[in-house]
Amino acid sequence: MGILQKFTDALGLGGKDMNLQEYLDSEDLENLANEEEEATAYVKPVALENTAVLAEIKTELNSGNVILLNITPMLKNEKVLTAVIDKLKEYVKEIRGDIARIDNEKILLTPSKMKIVKRRR
């Protein structure tokens, strides 16, 4: 039994056709963050639309936040994208964070002393 199946069974959703996107967009999940105490760190989505975003990424990493970087807007300009990723790799190494490709369009960057397990099972 897969993790998703266990999760849906635990929520009483097993056996029903479930639209995962509808569930993830539901009001219950949106309000969940409001009910919790304030977090010490956040996972922040950032779109790589231009090189000016580098400053924002560095600020967020210095604040201890994790960045989920969407590189889709920059995919057409491979030369600039490569240069930006090289700068990010350098910076993450400098602060002792980590960087990993999640899929063709997403890169995960972590702050100091937070590492990403990169091997797949």
Protein backbone atom coordinates (compact mmCIF):
# COMPACT_ATOMS: atom_id res chain seq x y z
CA MET A 1 0.00 0.00 0.00
CA GLY A 2 1.46 3.34 -1.04
CA ILE A 3 1.84 6.38 1.15
CA LEU A 4 -0.84 8.29 -0.73
CA GLN A 5 -3.29 5.42 -0.29
CA LYS A 6 -2.59 5.27 3.47
CA PHE A 7 -3.09 9.01 3.69
CA THR A 8 -6.39 8.96 1.80
CA ASP A 9 -7.63 6.00 3.86
CA ALA A 10 -6.74 7.81 7.10
CA LEU A 11 -8.78 10.81 5.97
CA GLY A 12 -11.72 8.63 5.04
CA LEU A 13 -11.26 9.29 1.34
CA GLY A 14 -10.33 5.74 0.33
CA GLY A 15 -12.48 4.10 -2.30
CA LYS A 16 -13.66 7.42 -3.72
CA ASP A 17 -12.37 9.07 -6.86
CA MET A 18 -10.18 11.83 -5.54
CA ASN A 19 -8.94 14.88 -7.37
CA LEU A 20 -5.62 15.56 -5.63
CA GLN A 21 -5.39 19.14 -6.91
CA GLU A 22 -8.87 19.94 -5.56
CA TYR A 23 -7.92 18.50 -2.19
CA LEU A 24 -4.63 20.41 -2.02
CA ASP A 25 -6.42 23.64 -2.94
CA SER A 26 -9.15 23.10 -0.35
CA GLU A 27 -9.92 25.71 2.26
CA ASP A 28 -9.07 23.27 5.08
CA LEU A 29 -5.41 23.15 4.02
CA GLU A 30 -5.23 26.91 3.51
CA ASN A 31 -6.49 27.57 7.02
CA LEU A 32 -4.17 25.01 8.58
CA ALA A 33 -1.21 27.38 8.51
CA ASN A 34 -3.26 30.10 10.23
CA GLU A 35 -4.09 27.82 13.16
CA GLU A 36 -0.49 26.92 13.91
CA GLU A 37 2.02 28.98 15.82
CA GLU A 38 4.41 31.15 13.83
CA ALA A 39 7.12 29.19 12.05
CA THR A 40 10.84 29.76 12.46
CA ALA A 41 11.47 29.03 8.76
CA TYR A 42 9.45 28.85 5.58
CA VAL A 43 9.53 27.11 2.21
CA LYS A 44 9.20 29.95 -0.29
CA PRO A 45 8.38 29.51 -3.97
CA VAL A 46 10.32 31.88 -6.22
CA ALA A 47 10.09 32.19 -10.01
CA LEU A 48 13.39 32.86 -11.76
CA GLU A 49 12.19 35.60 -14.10
CA ASN A 50 15.45 37.58 -14.19
CA THR A 51 18.81 37.87 -12.46
CA ALA A 52 17.47 40.43 -9.98
CA VAL A 53 15.79 37.54 -8.15
CA LEU A 54 19.24 36.41 -6.95
CA ALA A 55 19.27 39.08 -4.23
CA GLU A 56 15.87 37.92 -2.96
CA ILE A 57 17.02 34.29 -2.90
CA LYS A 58 20.16 35.17 -0.94
CA THR A 59 18.15 37.19 1.57
CA GLU A 60 15.70 34.34 2.10
CA LEU A 61 18.48 31.78 2.51
CA ASN A 62 20.22 34.05 5.02
CA SER A 63 16.94 34.22 6.94
CA GLY A 64 16.92 30.42 7.18
CA ASN A 65 14.19 29.84 4.61
CA VAL A 66 14.12 27.10 1.97
CA ILE A 67 13.63 28.19 -1.66
CA LEU A 68 11.65 26.22 -4.23
CA LEU A 69 12.92 27.86 -7.42
CA ASN A 70 10.82 27.65 -10.59
CA ILE A 71 13.25 28.03 -13.50
CA THR A 72 10.58 27.79 -16.23
CA PRO A 73 10.68 31.52 -17.11
CA MET A 74 14.43 31.27 -17.78
CA LEU A 75 14.50 27.96 -19.70
CA LYS A 76 14.60 29.68 -23.09
CA ASN A 77 17.78 31.54 -22.19
CA GLU A 78 20.10 28.63 -21.40
CA LYS A 79 23.27 30.71 -21.16
CA VAL A 80 21.84 33.06 -18.52
CA LEU A 81 20.18 30.15 -16.69
CA THR A 82 23.50 28.29 -16.46
CA ALA A 83 25.25 31.41 -15.16
CA VAL A 84 22.56 32.00 -12.54
CA ILE A 85 22.63 28.39 -11.35
CA ASP A 86 26.45 28.53 -11.13
CA LYS A 87 26.16 31.66 -8.94
CA LEU A 88 23.55 29.96 -6.76
CA LYS A 89 25.70 26.85 -6.39
CA GLU A 90 28.64 29.02 -5.36
CA TYR A 91 26.58 30.96 -2.86
CA VAL A 92 24.97 27.89 -1.32
CA LYS A 93 28.40 26.31 -0.90
CA GLU A 94 29.67 29.52 0.72
CA ILE A 95 26.87 29.53 3.32
CA ARG A 96 27.06 25.74 3.81
CA GLY A 97 23.57 25.15 2.47
CA ASP A 98 22.57 22.83 -0.36
CA ILE A 99 21.05 22.82 -3.85
CA ALA A 100 19.34 20.06 -5.83
CA ARG A 101 17.26 19.69 -8.94
CA ILE A 102 13.74 18.44 -8.15
CA ASP A 103 12.53 18.10 -11.75
CA ASN A 104 13.06 19.81 -15.10
CA GLU A 105 11.53 23.03 -13.82
CA LYS A 106 12.27 23.14 -10.09
CA ILE A 107 15.40 23.55 -7.98
CA LEU A 108 15.49 23.31 -4.19
CA LEU A 109 17.89 25.52 -2.23
CA THR A 110 18.44 25.18 1.50
CA PRO A 111 20.02 27.53 4.03
CA SER A 112 23.04 26.99 6.20
CA LYS A 113 23.41 23.58 7.87
CA MET A 114 20.45 22.05 6.02
CA LYS A 115 21.24 19.30 3.52
CA ILE A 116 19.18 17.55 0.83
CA VAL A 117 19.23 13.76 0.46
CA LYS A 118 19.97 13.38 -3.25
CA ARG A 119 19.92 9.64 -3.78
CA ARG A 120 16.70 8.12 -5.03
CA ARG A 121 15.27 4.89 -3.72
